Amino acid sequence: MEKGFIGALFFATIVAIFALKNGDKVLIDFIFAKVEVSQAIVIFVSSILGAVIVAILGVVKNLKIKKELRELNKRIAIIEEEKEKLQLSMQEQGEKIDRED
């Protein structure tokens, strides 16, 4: 966790320095409008949007993993129940064999 935080902090610092070094005005041409903004703002907004997208994808992946874990735990419980039933059945069969001898 700390390595990720330190890496993110380092990356944010590099992006901030890069953005401040490239503070010229740029013309952004949308389909419906043209806007002149600082290149630093474009860099910051792009970085933030990228971080949000990565966070959303991380949450989705985490939810899928949790769902799969729940399903696997259910399967484990079913298999353990079956194992116990089979062990009891084997013990009963063993007792029957002992009585027959």
PDB file of N, CA and C in Angstrom:
ATOM      1  N   MET A   1       0.829  -1.191   0.000  1.00  0.00           N
ATOM      2  CA  MET A   1       0.000   0.000   0.000  1.00  0.00           C
ATOM      3  C   MET A   1       0.870   1.250   0.000  1.00  0.00           C
ATOM      4  N   GLU A   2       1.906   1.236   0.848  1.00  0.00           N
ATOM      5  CA  GLU A   2       2.770   2.403   0.926  1.00  0.00           C
ATOM      6  C   GLU A   2       3.543   2.612  -0.369  1.00  0.00           C
ATOM      7  N   LYS A   3       3.958   1.515  -0.995  1.00  0.00           N
ATOM      8  CA  LYS A   3       4.692   1.639  -2.256  1.00  0.00           C
ATOM      9  C   LYS A   3       3.812   2.276  -3.318  1.00  0.00           C
ATOM     10  N   GLY A   4       2.554   1.882  -3.357  1.00  0.00           N
ATOM     11  CA  GLY A   4       1.616   2.463  -4.314  1.00  0.00           C
ATOM     12  C   GLY A   4       1.409   3.944  -4.059  1.00  0.00           C
ATOM     13  N   PHE A   5       1.285   4.307  -2.786  1.00  0.00           N
ATOM     14  CA  PHE A   5       1.090   5.714  -2.435  1.00  0.00           C
ATOM     15  C   PHE A   5       2.318   6.535  -2.796  1.00  0.00           C
ATOM     16  N   ILE A   6       3.486   6.013  -2.489  1.00  0.00           N
ATOM     17  CA  ILE A   6       4.728   6.727  -2.815  1.00  0.00           C
ATOM     18  C   ILE A   6       4.878   6.857  -4.326  1.00  0.00           C
ATOM     19  N   GLY A   7       4.556   5.791  -5.057  1.00  0.00           N
ATOM     20  CA  GLY A   7       4.614   5.846  -6.522  1.00  0.00           C
ATOM     21  C   GLY A   7       3.647   6.874  -7.090  1.00  0.00           C
ATOM     22  N   ALA A   8       2.431   6.907  -6.546  1.00  0.00           N
ATOM     23  CA  ALA A   8       1.433   7.877  -7.007  1.00  0.00           C
ATOM     24  C   ALA A   8       1.877   9.300  -6.692  1.00  0.00           C
ATOM     25  N   LEU A   9       2.447   9.495  -5.513  1.00  0.00           N
ATOM     26  CA  LEU A   9       2.933  10.818  -5.127  1.00  0.00           C
ATOM     27  C   LEU A   9       4.074  11.263  -6.039  1.00  0.00           C
ATOM     28  N   PHE A  10       4.974  10.352  -6.348  1.00  0.00           N
ATOM     29  CA  PHE A  10       6.083  10.651  -7.257  1.00  0.00           C
ATOM     30  C   PHE A  10       5.548  11.017  -8.640  1.00  0.00           C
ATOM     31  N   PHE A  11       4.605  10.214  -9.139  1.00  0.00           N
ATOM     32  CA  PHE A  11       4.018  10.477 -10.455  1.00  0.00           C
ATOM     33  C   PHE A  11       3.303  11.827 -10.470  1.00  0.00           C
ATOM     34  N   ALA A  12       2.558  12.131  -9.412  1.00  0.00           N
ATOM     35  CA  ALA A  12       1.847  13.411  -9.335  1.00  0.00           C
ATOM     36  C   ALA A  12       2.833  14.578  -9.332  1.00  0.00           C
ATOM     37  N   THR A  13       3.951  14.406  -8.650  1.00  0.00           N
ATOM     38  CA  THR A  13       4.970  15.463  -8.623  1.00  0.00           C
ATOM     39  C   THR A  13       5.558  15.677 -10.013  1.00  0.00           C
ATOM     40  N   ILE A  14       5.864  14.603 -10.709  1.00  0.00           N
ATOM     41  CA  ILE A  14       6.410  14.704 -12.071  1.00  0.00           C
ATOM     42  C   ILE A  14       5.406  15.386 -12.995  1.00  0.00           C
ATOM     43  N   VAL A  15       4.133  14.998 -12.884  1.00  0.00           N
ATOM     44  CA  VAL A  15       3.093  15.607 -13.725  1.00  0.00           C
ATOM     45  C   VAL A  15       2.965  17.091 -13.405  1.00  0.00           C
ATOM     46  N   ALA A  16       3.012  17.448 -12.131  1.00  0.00           N
ATOM     47  CA  ALA A  16       2.896  18.856 -11.740  1.00  0.00           C
ATOM     48  C   ALA A  16       4.060  19.674 -12.302  1.00  0.00           C
ATOM     49  N   ILE A  17       5.269  19.156 -12.186  1.00  0.00           N
ATOM     50  CA  ILE A  17       6.435  19.871 -12.725  1.00  0.00           C
ATOM     51  C   ILE A  17       6.314  20.011 -14.238  1.00  0.00           C
ATOM     52  N   PHE A  18       5.929  18.928 -14.900  1.00  0.00           N
ATOM     53  CA  PHE A  18       5.764  18.957 -16.356  1.00  0.00           C
ATOM     54  C   PHE A  18       4.701  19.978 -16.759  1.00  0.00           C
ATOM     55  N   ALA A  19       3.590  19.988 -16.029  1.00  0.00           N
ATOM     56  CA  ALA A  19       2.503  20.915 -16.358  1.00  0.00           C
ATOM     57  C   ALA A  19       2.938  22.363 -16.159  1.00  0.00           C
ATOM     58  N   LEU A  20       3.657  22.625 -15.087  1.00  0.00           N
ATOM     59  CA  LEU A  20       4.093  23.997 -14.832  1.00  0.00           C
ATOM     60  C   LEU A  20       5.121  24.466 -15.858  1.00  0.00           C
ATOM     61  N   LYS A  21       5.938  23.554 -16.359  1.00  0.00           N
ATOM     62  CA  LYS A  21       6.906  23.911 -17.398  1.00  0.00           C
ATOM     63  C   LYS A  21       6.218  24.159 -18.739  1.00  0.00           C
ATOM     64  N   ASN A  22       5.022  23.601 -18.921  1.00  0.00           N
ATOM     65  CA  ASN A  22       4.274  23.744 -20.170  1.00  0.00           C
ATOM     66  C   ASN A  22       2.973  24.502 -19.906  1.00  0.00           C
ATOM     67  N   GLY A  23       3.103  25.733 -19.467  1.00  0.00           N
ATOM     68  CA  GLY A  23       1.934  26.516 -19.081  1.00  0.00           C
ATOM     69  C   GLY A  23       1.373  27.400 -20.181  1.00  0.00           C
ATOM     70  N   ASP A  24       1.816  27.226 -21.418  1.00  0.00           N
ATOM     71  CA  ASP A  24       1.325  28.058 -22.516  1.00  0.00           C
ATOM     72  C   ASP A  24      -0.158  27.809 -22.769  1.00  0.00           C
ATOM     73  N   LYS A  25      -0.782  28.767 -23.424  1.00  0.00           N
ATOM     74  CA  LYS A  25      -2.191  28.625 -23.802  1.00  0.00           C
ATOM     75  C   LYS A  25      -2.286  27.743 -25.044  1.00  0.00           C
ATOM     76  N   VAL A  26      -3.295  26.875 -25.049  1.00  0.00           N
ATOM     77  CA  VAL A  26      -3.553  26.032 -26.212  1.00  0.00           C
ATOM     78  C   VAL A  26      -5.019  26.163 -26.588  1.00  0.00           C
ATOM     79  N   LEU A  27      -5.294  25.967 -27.866  1.00  0.00           N
ATOM     80  CA  LEU A  27      -6.661  26.031 -28.370  1.00  0.00           C
ATOM     81  C   LEU A  27      -7.192  24.608 -28.489  1.00  0.00           C
ATOM     82  N   ILE A  28      -8.262  24.340 -27.763  1.00  0.00           N
ATOM     83  CA  ILE A  28      -8.906  23.029 -27.838  1.00  0.00           C
ATOM     84  C   ILE A  28     -10.156  23.197 -28.675  1.00  0.00           C
ATOM     85  N   ASP A  29     -10.234  22.397 -29.724  1.00  0.00           N
ATOM     86  CA  ASP A  29     -11.347  22.500 -30.666  1.00  0.00           C
ATOM     87  C   ASP A  29     -12.310  21.341 -30.449  1.00  0.00           C
ATOM     88  N   PHE A  30     -13.399  21.620 -29.728  1.00  0.00           N
ATOM     89  CA  PHE A  30     -14.468  20.643 -29.586  1.00  0.00           C
ATOM     90  C   PHE A  30     -15.346  20.732 -30.825  1.00  0.00           C
ATOM     91  N   ILE A  31     -16.222  19.785 -31.003  1.00  0.00           N
ATOM     92  CA  ILE A  31     -17.108  19.802 -32.169  1.00  0.00           C
ATOM     93  C   ILE A  31     -17.995  21.040 -32.146  1.00  0.00           C
ATOM     94  N   PHE A  32     -18.448  21.418 -30.973  1.00  0.00           N
ATOM     95  CA  PHE A  32     -19.416  22.510 -30.852  1.00  0.00           C
ATOM     96  C   PHE A  32     -18.808  23.829 -30.391  1.00  0.00           C
ATOM     97  N   ALA A  33     -17.546  23.832 -29.957  1.00  0.00           N
ATOM     98  CA  ALA A  33     -16.946  25.076 -29.472  1.00  0.00           C
ATOM     99  C   ALA A  33     -15.422  24.976 -29.495  1.00  0.00           C
ATOM    100  N   LYS A  34     -14.807  26.149 -29.438  1.00  0.00           N
ATOM    101  CA  LYS A  34     -13.355  26.226 -29.318  1.00  0.00           C
ATOM    102  C   LYS A  34     -13.039  26.939 -28.011  1.00  0.00           C
ATOM    103  N   VAL A  35     -12.065  26.383 -27.283  1.00  0.00           N
ATOM    104  CA  VAL A  35     -11.725  26.940 -25.980  1.00  0.00           C
ATOM    105  C   VAL A  35     -10.215  27.103 -25.906  1.00  0.00           C
ATOM    106  N   GLU A  36      -9.776  28.230 -25.382  1.00  0.00           N
ATOM    107  CA  GLU A  36      -8.352  28.457 -25.179  1.00  0.00           C
ATOM    108  C   GLU A  36      -8.077  28.368 -23.680  1.00  0.00           C
ATOM    109  N   VAL A  37      -7.266  27.389 -23.298  1.00  0.00           N
ATOM    110  CA  VAL A  37      -6.948  27.176 -21.882  1.00  0.00           C
ATOM    111  C   VAL A  37      -5.456  26.924 -21.726  1.00  0.00           C
ATOM    112  N   SER A  38      -5.023  26.966 -20.499  1.00  0.00           N
ATOM    113  CA  SER A  38      -3.623  26.693 -20.195  1.00  0.00           C
ATOM    114  C   SER A  38      -3.330  25.209 -20.419  1.00  0.00           C
ATOM    115  N   GLN A  39      -2.168  24.952 -20.973  1.00  0.00           N
ATOM    116  CA  GLN A  39      -1.763  23.569 -21.218  1.00  0.00           C
ATOM    117  C   GLN A  39      -1.627  22.810 -19.892  1.00  0.00           C
ATOM    118  N   ALA A  40      -1.268  23.515 -18.836  1.00  0.00           N
ATOM    119  CA  ALA A  40      -1.154  22.887 -17.521  1.00  0.00           C
ATOM    120  C   ALA A  40      -2.500  22.338 -17.068  1.00  0.00           C
ATOM    121  N   ILE A  41      -3.569  23.088 -17.304  1.00  0.00           N
ATOM    122  CA  ILE A  41      -4.909  22.626 -16.929  1.00  0.00           C
ATOM    123  C   ILE A  41      -5.278  21.383 -17.722  1.00  0.00           C
ATOM    124  N   VAL A  42      -4.955  21.376 -19.002  1.00  0.00           N
ATOM    125  CA  VAL A  42      -5.243  20.204 -19.838  1.00  0.00           C
ATOM    126  C   VAL A  42      -4.501  18.981 -19.295  1.00  0.00           C
ATOM    127  N   ILE A  43      -3.245  19.162 -18.914  1.00  0.00           N
ATOM    128  CA  ILE A  43      -2.452  18.054 -18.379  1.00  0.00           C
ATOM    129  C   ILE A  43      -3.040  17.563 -17.058  1.00  0.00           C
ATOM    130  N   PHE A  44      -3.375  18.498 -16.156  1.00  0.00           N
ATOM    131  CA  PHE A  44      -3.949  18.108 -14.865  1.00  0.00           C
ATOM    132  C   PHE A  44      -5.277  17.382 -15.036  1.00  0.00           C
ATOM    133  N   VAL A  45      -6.155  17.919 -15.870  1.00  0.00           N
ATOM    134  CA  VAL A  45      -7.468  17.297 -16.080  1.00  0.00           C
ATOM    135  C   VAL A  45      -7.305  15.908 -16.693  1.00  0.00           C
ATOM    136  N   SER A  46      -6.405  15.789 -17.653  1.00  0.00           N
ATOM    137  CA  SER A  46      -6.165  14.477 -18.268  1.00  0.00           C
ATOM    138  C   SER A  46      -5.641  13.477 -17.242  1.00  0.00           C
ATOM    139  N   SER A  47      -4.735  13.912 -16.392  1.00  0.00           N
ATOM    140  CA  SER A  47      -4.193  13.030 -15.352  1.00  0.00           C
ATOM    141  C   SER A  47      -5.277  12.610 -14.367  1.00  0.00           C
ATOM    142  N   ILE A  48      -6.106  13.551 -13.969  1.00  0.00           N
ATOM    143  CA  ILE A  48      -7.185  13.242 -13.024  1.00  0.00           C
ATOM    144  C   ILE A  48      -8.186  12.278 -13.650  1.00  0.00           C
ATOM    145  N   LEU A  49      -8.560  12.521 -14.893  1.00  0.00           N
ATOM    146  CA  LEU A  49      -9.492  11.608 -15.561  1.00  0.00           C
ATOM    147  C   LEU A  49      -8.893  10.210 -15.690  1.00  0.00           C
ATOM    148  N   GLY A  50      -7.621  10.135 -15.999  1.00  0.00           N
ATOM    149  CA  GLY A  50      -6.956   8.838 -16.075  1.00  0.00           C
ATOM    150  C   GLY A  50      -6.966   8.121 -14.732  1.00  0.00           C
ATOM    151  N   ALA A  51      -6.712   8.864 -13.661  1.00  0.00           N
ATOM    152  CA  ALA A  51      -6.730   8.268 -12.321  1.00  0.00           C
ATOM    153  C   ALA A  51      -8.128   7.779 -11.954  1.00  0.00           C
ATOM    154  N   VAL A  52      -9.149   8.550 -12.318  1.00  0.00           N
ATOM    155  CA  VAL A  52     -10.533   8.148 -12.028  1.00  0.00           C
ATOM    156  C   VAL A  52     -10.880   6.874 -12.794  1.00  0.00           C
ATOM    157  N   ILE A  53     -10.488   6.805 -14.051  1.00  0.00           N
ATOM    158  CA  ILE A  53     -10.771   5.609 -14.858  1.00  0.00           C
ATOM    159  C   ILE A  53     -10.071   4.387 -14.257  1.00  0.00           C
ATOM    160  N   VAL A  54      -8.816   4.544 -13.861  1.00  0.00           N
ATOM    161  CA  VAL A  54      -8.081   3.431 -13.248  1.00  0.00           C
ATOM    162  C   VAL A  54      -8.750   3.009 -11.942  1.00  0.00           C
ATOM    163  N   ALA A  55      -9.202   3.979 -11.145  1.00  0.00           N
ATOM    164  CA  ALA A  55      -9.874   3.656  -9.880  1.00  0.00           C
ATOM    165  C   ALA A  55     -11.169   2.891 -10.126  1.00  0.00           C
ATOM    166  N   ILE A  56     -11.950   3.324 -11.110  1.00  0.00           N
ATOM    167  CA  ILE A  56     -13.207   2.634 -11.430  1.00  0.00           C
ATOM    168  C   ILE A  56     -12.924   1.204 -11.878  1.00  0.00           C
ATOM    169  N   LEU A  57     -11.941   1.036 -12.743  1.00  0.00           N
ATOM    170  CA  LEU A  57     -11.585  -0.312 -13.195  1.00  0.00           C
ATOM    171  C   LEU A  57     -11.096  -1.176 -12.034  1.00  0.00           C
ATOM    172  N   GLY A  58     -10.366  -0.574 -11.108  1.00  0.00           N
ATOM    173  CA  GLY A  58      -9.904  -1.304  -9.930  1.00  0.00           C
ATOM    174  C   GLY A  58     -11.056  -1.758  -9.050  1.00  0.00           C
ATOM    175  N   VAL A  59     -12.046  -0.889  -8.870  1.00  0.00           N
ATOM    176  CA  VAL A  59     -13.216  -1.245  -8.064  1.00  0.00           C
ATOM    177  C   VAL A  59     -13.989  -2.379  -8.729  1.00  0.00           C
ATOM    178  N   VAL A  60     -14.168  -2.286 -10.045  1.00  0.00           N
ATOM    179  CA  VAL A  60     -14.888  -3.340 -10.772  1.00  0.00           C
ATOM    180  C   VAL A  60     -14.152  -4.672 -10.632  1.00  0.00           C
ATOM    181  N   LYS A  61     -12.848  -4.651 -10.792  1.00  0.00           N
ATOM    182  CA  LYS A  61     -12.054  -5.879 -10.657  1.00  0.00           C
ATOM    183  C   LYS A  61     -12.173  -6.441  -9.247  1.00  0.00           C
ATOM    184  N   ASN A  62     -12.115  -5.561  -8.247  1.00  0.00           N
ATOM    185  CA  ASN A  62     -12.229  -5.983  -6.858  1.00  0.00           C
ATOM    186  C   ASN A  62     -13.589  -6.620  -6.587  1.00  0.00           C
ATOM    187  N   LEU A  63     -14.650  -6.046  -7.133  1.00  0.00           N
ATOM    188  CA  LEU A  63     -15.990  -6.610  -6.953  1.00  0.00           C
ATOM    189  C   LEU A  63     -16.093  -7.991  -7.596  1.00  0.00           C
ATOM    190  N   LYS A  64     -15.509  -8.148  -8.777  1.00  0.00           N
ATOM    191  CA  LYS A  64     -15.524  -9.454  -9.442  1.00  0.00           C
ATOM    192  C   LYS A  64     -14.772 -10.493  -8.618  1.00  0.00           C
ATOM    193  N   ILE A  65     -13.641 -10.098  -8.065  1.00  0.00           N
ATOM    194  CA  ILE A  65     -12.849 -11.021  -7.254  1.00  0.00           C
ATOM    195  C   ILE A  65     -13.621 -11.422  -5.996  1.00  0.00           C
ATOM    196  N   LYS A  66     -14.288 -10.454  -5.352  1.00  0.00           N
ATOM    197  CA  LYS A  66     -15.073 -10.770  -4.157  1.00  0.00           C
ATOM    198  C   LYS A  66     -16.224 -11.713  -4.488  1.00  0.00           C
ATOM    199  N   LYS A  67     -16.871 -11.493  -5.628  1.00  0.00           N
ATOM    200  CA  LYS A  67     -17.968 -12.368  -6.041  1.00  0.00           C
ATOM    201  C   LYS A  67     -17.448 -13.782  -6.274  1.00  0.00           C
ATOM    202  N   GLU A  68     -16.328 -13.892  -6.968  1.00  0.00           N
ATOM    203  CA  GLU A  68     -15.738 -15.202  -7.238  1.00  0.00           C
ATOM    204  C   GLU A  68     -15.330 -15.888  -5.935  1.00  0.00           C
ATOM    205  N   LEU A  69     -14.810 -15.120  -4.989  1.00  0.00           N
ATOM    206  CA  LEU A  69     -14.419 -15.674  -3.695  1.00  0.00           C
ATOM    207  C   LEU A  69     -15.627 -16.228  -2.946  1.00  0.00           C
ATOM    208  N   ARG A  70     -16.745 -15.488  -2.965  1.00  0.00           N
ATOM    209  CA  ARG A  70     -17.969 -15.982  -2.319  1.00  0.00           C
ATOM    210  C   ARG A  70     -18.430 -17.286  -2.955  1.00  0.00           C
ATOM    211  N   GLU A  71     -18.410 -17.336  -4.291  1.00  0.00           N
ATOM    212  CA  GLU A  71     -18.826 -18.554  -4.992  1.00  0.00           C
ATOM    213  C   GLU A  71     -17.911 -19.727  -4.653  1.00  0.00           C
ATOM    214  N   LEU A  72     -16.623 -19.481  -4.604  1.00  0.00           N
ATOM    215  CA  LEU A  72     -15.676 -20.549  -4.272  1.00  0.00           C
ATOM    216  C   LEU A  72     -15.855 -21.019  -2.827  1.00  0.00           C
ATOM    217  N   ASN A  73     -16.127 -20.082  -1.915  1.00  0.00           N
ATOM    218  CA  ASN A  73     -16.369 -20.470  -0.524  1.00  0.00           C
ATOM    219  C   ASN A  73     -17.629 -21.324  -0.403  1.00  0.00           C
ATOM    220  N   LYS A  74     -18.661 -21.008  -1.191  1.00  0.00           N
ATOM    221  CA  LYS A  74     -19.874 -21.830  -1.198  1.00  0.00           C
ATOM    222  C   LYS A  74     -19.554 -23.230  -1.702  1.00  0.00           C
ATOM    223  N   ARG A  75     -18.758 -23.304  -2.772  1.00  0.00           N
ATOM    224  CA  ARG A  75     -18.374 -24.616  -3.316  1.00  0.00           C
ATOM    225  C   ARG A  75     -17.562 -25.408  -2.297  1.00  0.00           C
ATOM    226  N   ILE A  76     -16.683 -24.731  -1.583  1.00  0.00           N
ATOM    227  CA  ILE A  76     -15.887 -25.403  -0.551  1.00  0.00           C
ATOM    228  C   ILE A  76     -16.803 -25.973   0.527  1.00  0.00           C
ATOM    229  N   ALA A  77     -17.788 -25.185   0.961  1.00  0.00           N
ATOM    230  CA  ALA A  77     -18.713 -25.653   1.996  1.00  0.00           C
ATOM    231  C   ALA A  77     -19.482 -26.881   1.519  1.00  0.00           C
ATOM    232  N   ILE A  78     -19.940 -26.863   0.276  1.00  0.00           N
ATOM    233  CA  ILE A  78     -20.679 -28.003  -0.276  1.00  0.00           C
ATOM    234  C   ILE A  78     -19.781 -29.238  -0.340  1.00  0.00           C
ATOM    235  N   ILE A  79     -18.561 -29.059  -0.797  1.00  0.00           N
ATOM    236  CA  ILE A  79     -17.626 -30.183  -0.918  1.00  0.00           C
ATOM    237  C   ILE A  79     -17.267 -30.732   0.464  1.00  0.00           C
ATOM    238  N   GLU A  80     -17.099 -29.852   1.451  1.00  0.00           N
ATOM    239  CA  GLU A  80     -16.792 -30.321   2.807  1.00  0.00           C
ATOM    240  C   GLU A  80     -17.960 -31.109   3.387  1.00  0.00           C
ATOM    241  N   GLU A  81     -19.185 -30.657   3.137  1.00  0.00           N
ATOM    242  CA  GLU A  81     -20.364 -31.406   3.576  1.00  0.00           C
ATOM    243  C   GLU A  81     -20.381 -32.792   2.944  1.00  0.00           C
ATOM    244  N   GLU A  82     -20.129 -32.827   1.651  1.00  0.00           N
ATOM    245  CA  GLU A  82     -20.111 -34.103   0.933  1.00  0.00           C
ATOM    246  C   GLU A  82     -19.015 -35.013   1.483  1.00  0.00           C
ATOM    247  N   LYS A  83     -17.871 -34.431   1.796  1.00  0.00           N
ATOM    248  CA  LYS A  83     -16.759 -35.204   2.360  1.00  0.00           C
ATOM    249  C   LYS A  83     -17.156 -35.814   3.703  1.00  0.00           C
ATOM    250  N   GLU A  84     -17.819 -35.024   4.548  1.00  0.00           N
ATOM    251  CA  GLU A  84     -18.247 -35.533   5.852  1.00  0.00           C
ATOM    252  C   GLU A  84     -19.253 -36.671   5.688  1.00  0.00           C
ATOM    253  N   LYS A  85     -20.184 -36.513   4.759  1.00  0.00           N
ATOM    254  CA  LYS A  85     -21.169 -37.573   4.506  1.00  0.00           C
ATOM    255  C   LYS A  85     -20.479 -38.849   4.031  1.00  0.00           C
ATOM    256  N   LEU A  86     -19.515 -38.696   3.148  1.00  0.00           N
ATOM    257  CA  LEU A  86     -18.789 -39.863   2.643  1.00  0.00           C
ATOM    258  C   LEU A  86     -17.971 -40.530   3.745  1.00  0.00           C
ATOM    259  N   GLN A  87     -17.373 -39.720   4.620  1.00  0.00           N
ATOM    260  CA  GLN A  87     -16.608 -40.295   5.725  1.00  0.00           C
ATOM    261  C   GLN A  87     -17.524 -41.077   6.661  1.00  0.00           C
ATOM    262  N   LEU A  88     -18.706 -40.521   6.957  1.00  0.00           N
ATOM    263  CA  LEU A  88     -19.671 -41.237   7.795  1.00  0.00           C
ATOM    264  C   LEU A  88     -20.109 -42.527   7.123  1.00  0.00           C
ATOM    265  N   SER A  89     -20.349 -42.450   5.833  1.00  0.00           N
ATOM    266  CA  SER A  89     -20.755 -43.632   5.080  1.00  0.00           C
ATOM    267  C   SER A  89     -19.660 -44.696   5.110  1.00  0.00           C
ATOM    268  N   MET A  90     -18.420 -44.267   4.978  1.00  0.00           N
ATOM    269  CA  MET A  90     -17.300 -45.212   5.026  1.00  0.00           C
ATOM    270  C   MET A  90     -17.185 -45.841   6.411  1.00  0.00           C
ATOM    271  N   GLN A  91     -17.392 -45.046   7.456  1.00  0.00           N
ATOM    272  CA  GLN A  91     -17.337 -45.585   8.814  1.00  0.00           C
ATOM    273  C   GLN A  91     -18.442 -46.615   9.022  1.00  0.00           C
ATOM    274  N   GLU A  92     -19.641 -46.306   8.531  1.00  0.00           N
ATOM    275  CA  GLU A  92     -20.758 -47.241   8.652  1.00  0.00           C
ATOM    276  C   GLU A  92     -20.456 -48.532   7.892  1.00  0.00           C
ATOM    277  N   GLN A  93     -19.894 -48.403   6.708  1.00  0.00           N
ATOM    278  CA  GLN A  93     -19.536 -49.587   5.922  1.00  0.00           C
ATOM    279  C   GLN A  93     -18.470 -50.404   6.646  1.00  0.00           C
ATOM    280  N   GLY A  94     -17.516 -49.725   7.262  1.00  0.00           N
ATOM    281  CA  GLY A  94     -16.465 -50.404   8.015  1.00  0.00           C
ATOM    282  C   GLY A  94     -17.035 -51.142   9.213  1.00  0.00           C
ATOM    283  N   GLU A  95     -18.004 -50.520   9.885  1.00  0.00           N
ATOM    284  CA  GLU A  95     -18.635 -51.171  11.032  1.00  0.00           C
ATOM    285  C   GLU A  95     -19.414 -52.400  10.584  1.00  0.00           C
ATOM    286  N   LYS A  96     -20.093 -52.317   9.450  1.00  0.00           N
ATOM    287  CA  LYS A  96     -20.842 -53.463   8.923  1.00  0.00           C
ATOM    288  C   LYS A  96     -19.896 -54.617   8.600  1.00  0.00           C
ATOM    289  N   ILE A  97     -18.762 -54.288   8.023  1.00  0.00           N
ATOM    290  CA  ILE A  97     -17.785 -55.318   7.658  1.00  0.00           C
ATOM    291  C   ILE A  97     -17.235 -55.969   8.926  1.00  0.00           C
ATOM    292  N   ASP A  98     -16.957 -55.151   9.961  1.00  0.00           N
ATOM    293  CA  ASP A  98     -16.443 -55.691  11.221  1.00  0.00           C
ATOM    294  C   ASP A  98     -17.462 -56.622  11.871  1.00  0.00           C
ATOM    295  N   ARG A  99     -18.748 -56.289  11.816  1.00  0.00           N
ATOM    296  CA  ARG A  99     -19.802 -57.113  12.404  1.00  0.00           C
ATOM    297  C   ARG A  99     -19.954 -58.433  11.657  1.00  0.00           C
ATOM    298  N   GLU A 100     -19.745 -58.387  10.354  1.00  0.00           N
ATOM    299  CA  GLU A 100     -19.894 -59.593   9.541  1.00  0.00           C
ATOM    300  C   GLU A 100     -18.772 -60.589   9.811  1.00  0.00           C
ATOM    301  N   ASP A 101     -17.626 -60.092  10.216  1.00  0.00           N
ATOM    302  CA  ASP A 101     -16.482 -60.990  10.474  1.00  0.00           C
ATOM    303  C   ASP A 101     -16.689 -61.660  11.769  1.00  0.00           C
TER     304      ASP A 101
END
